[in-house]
Amino acid sequence: MEILATFALSLAFTLLIETIIALLFGIRMPGMKVVWLVNTLTNPAAVLTFLLLSRVFPAAPALAIQIPIEIIVFVTEALIYGLWFKEVKWGFRHPILLSLVANLVSWGTGVFIQFL
């Protein structure tokens, strides 16, 4: 798959899935814009990191590369959500859980799609 298509497809699926998860957590506008912005920043960086590390370590299993990247994404997003929602005093009290669930579902869906 062409590299730009890989980035676009990954970001599109991530935004769709994580928007649904955020809605289930009660996030609405303008908070949803934060979810979209955070994922627009972290997803391409994660995909690029995976693609580069896969080339540097071609014998490494994909999961050995993906899991550390996803942990970094989870922590980064949880910190941003926690700081943002606290700063604007929206009263959202579960930024870590939101990040964990959204990233697990998004990543799990991506892994599932790869095996189709």
Protein backbone atom coordinates (compact mmCIF):
# COMPACT_ATOMS: atom_id res chain seq x y z
CA MET A 1 0.00 0.00 0.00
CA GLU A 2 1.29 3.46 -0.82
CA ILE A 3 2.67 5.17 2.27
CA LEU A 4 0.28 8.16 2.13
CA ALA A 5 -2.66 5.79 1.82
CA THR A 6 -1.38 3.90 4.86
CA PHE A 7 -1.26 7.11 6.89
CA ALA A 8 -4.67 8.29 5.67
CA LEU A 9 -6.40 4.96 6.29
CA SER A 10 -4.86 4.57 9.72
CA LEU A 11 -5.83 8.09 10.76
CA ALA A 12 -9.37 7.75 9.38
CA PHE A 13 -10.01 4.50 11.27
CA THR A 14 -8.44 5.90 14.43
CA LEU A 15 -10.55 9.07 14.33
CA LEU A 16 -13.73 7.09 13.69
CA ILE A 17 -13.12 4.56 16.46
CA GLU A 18 -11.82 7.00 19.04
CA THR A 19 -14.67 9.44 18.32
CA ILE A 20 -17.17 6.66 19.06
CA ILE A 21 -15.34 5.77 22.29
CA ALA A 22 -15.20 9.45 23.33
CA LEU A 23 -18.93 9.77 22.69
CA LEU A 24 -19.54 6.72 24.88
CA PHE A 25 -17.51 8.46 27.61
CA GLY A 26 -19.75 11.52 27.31
CA ILE A 27 -17.33 13.78 25.46
CA ARG A 28 -19.12 16.33 23.28
CA MET A 29 -18.12 19.55 21.52
CA PRO A 30 -15.84 21.37 22.11
CA GLY A 31 -14.06 18.50 23.90
CA MET A 32 -14.36 16.30 20.82
CA LYS A 33 -12.06 18.72 19.01
CA VAL A 34 -9.38 17.89 21.59
CA VAL A 35 -9.83 14.17 20.87
CA TRP A 36 -9.49 14.80 17.13
CA LEU A 37 -6.45 17.05 17.53
CA VAL A 38 -4.67 14.66 19.89
CA ASN A 39 -5.22 11.73 17.53
CA THR A 40 -4.20 13.78 14.49
CA LEU A 41 -0.89 14.40 16.26
CA THR A 42 -0.22 10.97 17.79
CA ASN A 43 -1.47 8.61 15.07
CA PRO A 44 0.83 9.70 12.22
CA ALA A 45 3.79 9.76 14.62
CA ALA A 46 2.98 6.22 15.80
CA VAL A 47 2.55 4.93 12.24
CA LEU A 48 5.79 6.55 11.08
CA THR A 49 7.68 5.20 14.09
CA PHE A 50 6.35 1.70 13.41
CA LEU A 51 7.25 1.84 9.72
CA LEU A 52 10.78 3.07 10.47
CA LEU A 53 11.46 0.60 13.27
CA SER A 54 10.10 -2.26 11.13
CA ARG A 55 12.78 -1.41 8.58
CA VAL A 56 15.53 -1.03 11.16
CA PHE A 57 14.57 -4.32 12.87
CA PRO A 58 13.09 -6.44 10.06
CA ALA A 59 13.28 -9.67 12.08
CA ALA A 60 11.35 -8.21 15.02
CA PRO A 61 7.74 -9.35 15.42
CA ALA A 62 5.26 -6.55 14.68
CA LEU A 63 3.83 -6.74 18.21
CA ALA A 64 7.29 -6.21 19.73
CA ILE A 65 7.40 -2.89 17.90
CA GLN A 66 3.73 -1.92 18.19
CA ILE A 67 3.22 -2.44 21.91
CA PRO A 68 5.91 0.01 23.15
CA ILE A 69 4.69 2.59 20.63
CA GLU A 70 1.09 2.15 21.77
CA ILE A 71 2.10 2.50 25.43
CA ILE A 72 3.78 5.81 24.62
CA VAL A 73 0.68 6.96 22.69
CA PHE A 74 -1.60 5.91 25.57
CA VAL A 75 0.46 7.81 28.16
CA THR A 76 0.79 10.89 25.94
CA GLU A 77 -2.93 11.04 25.21
CA ALA A 78 -3.88 10.41 28.84
CA LEU A 79 -1.62 13.27 29.96
CA ILE A 80 -3.01 15.66 27.34
CA TYR A 81 -6.62 14.73 28.14
CA GLY A 82 -6.00 15.05 31.86
CA LEU A 83 -4.33 18.44 31.55
CA TRP A 84 -6.80 19.80 29.03
CA PHE A 85 -10.00 18.69 30.73
CA LYS A 86 -8.67 19.84 34.12
CA GLU A 87 -7.56 23.21 32.74
CA VAL A 88 -10.88 24.07 31.12
CA LYS A 89 -12.75 22.64 34.11
CA TRP A 90 -15.14 20.45 32.12
CA GLY A 91 -15.37 18.03 35.00
CA PHE A 92 -14.31 15.01 32.95
CA ARG A 93 -12.75 12.68 35.51
CA HIS A 94 -11.55 9.68 33.52
CA PRO A 95 -8.81 10.77 31.07
CA ILE A 96 -6.65 7.70 31.74
CA LEU A 97 -9.55 5.31 31.21
CA LEU A 98 -10.62 7.18 28.06
CA SER A 99 -7.11 6.95 26.62
CA LEU A 100 -6.73 3.28 27.60
CA VAL A 101 -10.06 2.12 26.17
CA ALA A 102 -9.84 4.25 23.02
CA ASN A 103 -6.31 3.11 22.24
CA LEU A 104 -6.96 -0.57 22.99
CA VAL A 105 -10.06 -0.63 20.78
CA SER A 106 -8.38 1.36 18.01
CA TRP A 107 -5.19 -0.70 18.07
CA GLY A 108 -7.08 -3.99 18.40
CA THR A 109 -9.24 -3.10 15.42
CA GLY A 110 -6.14 -2.31 13.39
CA VAL A 111 -4.55 -5.64 14.30
CA PHE A 112 -7.80 -7.45 13.41
CA ILE A 113 -8.01 -5.68 10.02
CA GLN A 114 -4.42 -6.68 9.21
CA PHE A 115 -5.38 -10.34 9.57
CA LEU A 116 -8.41 -10.12 7.24
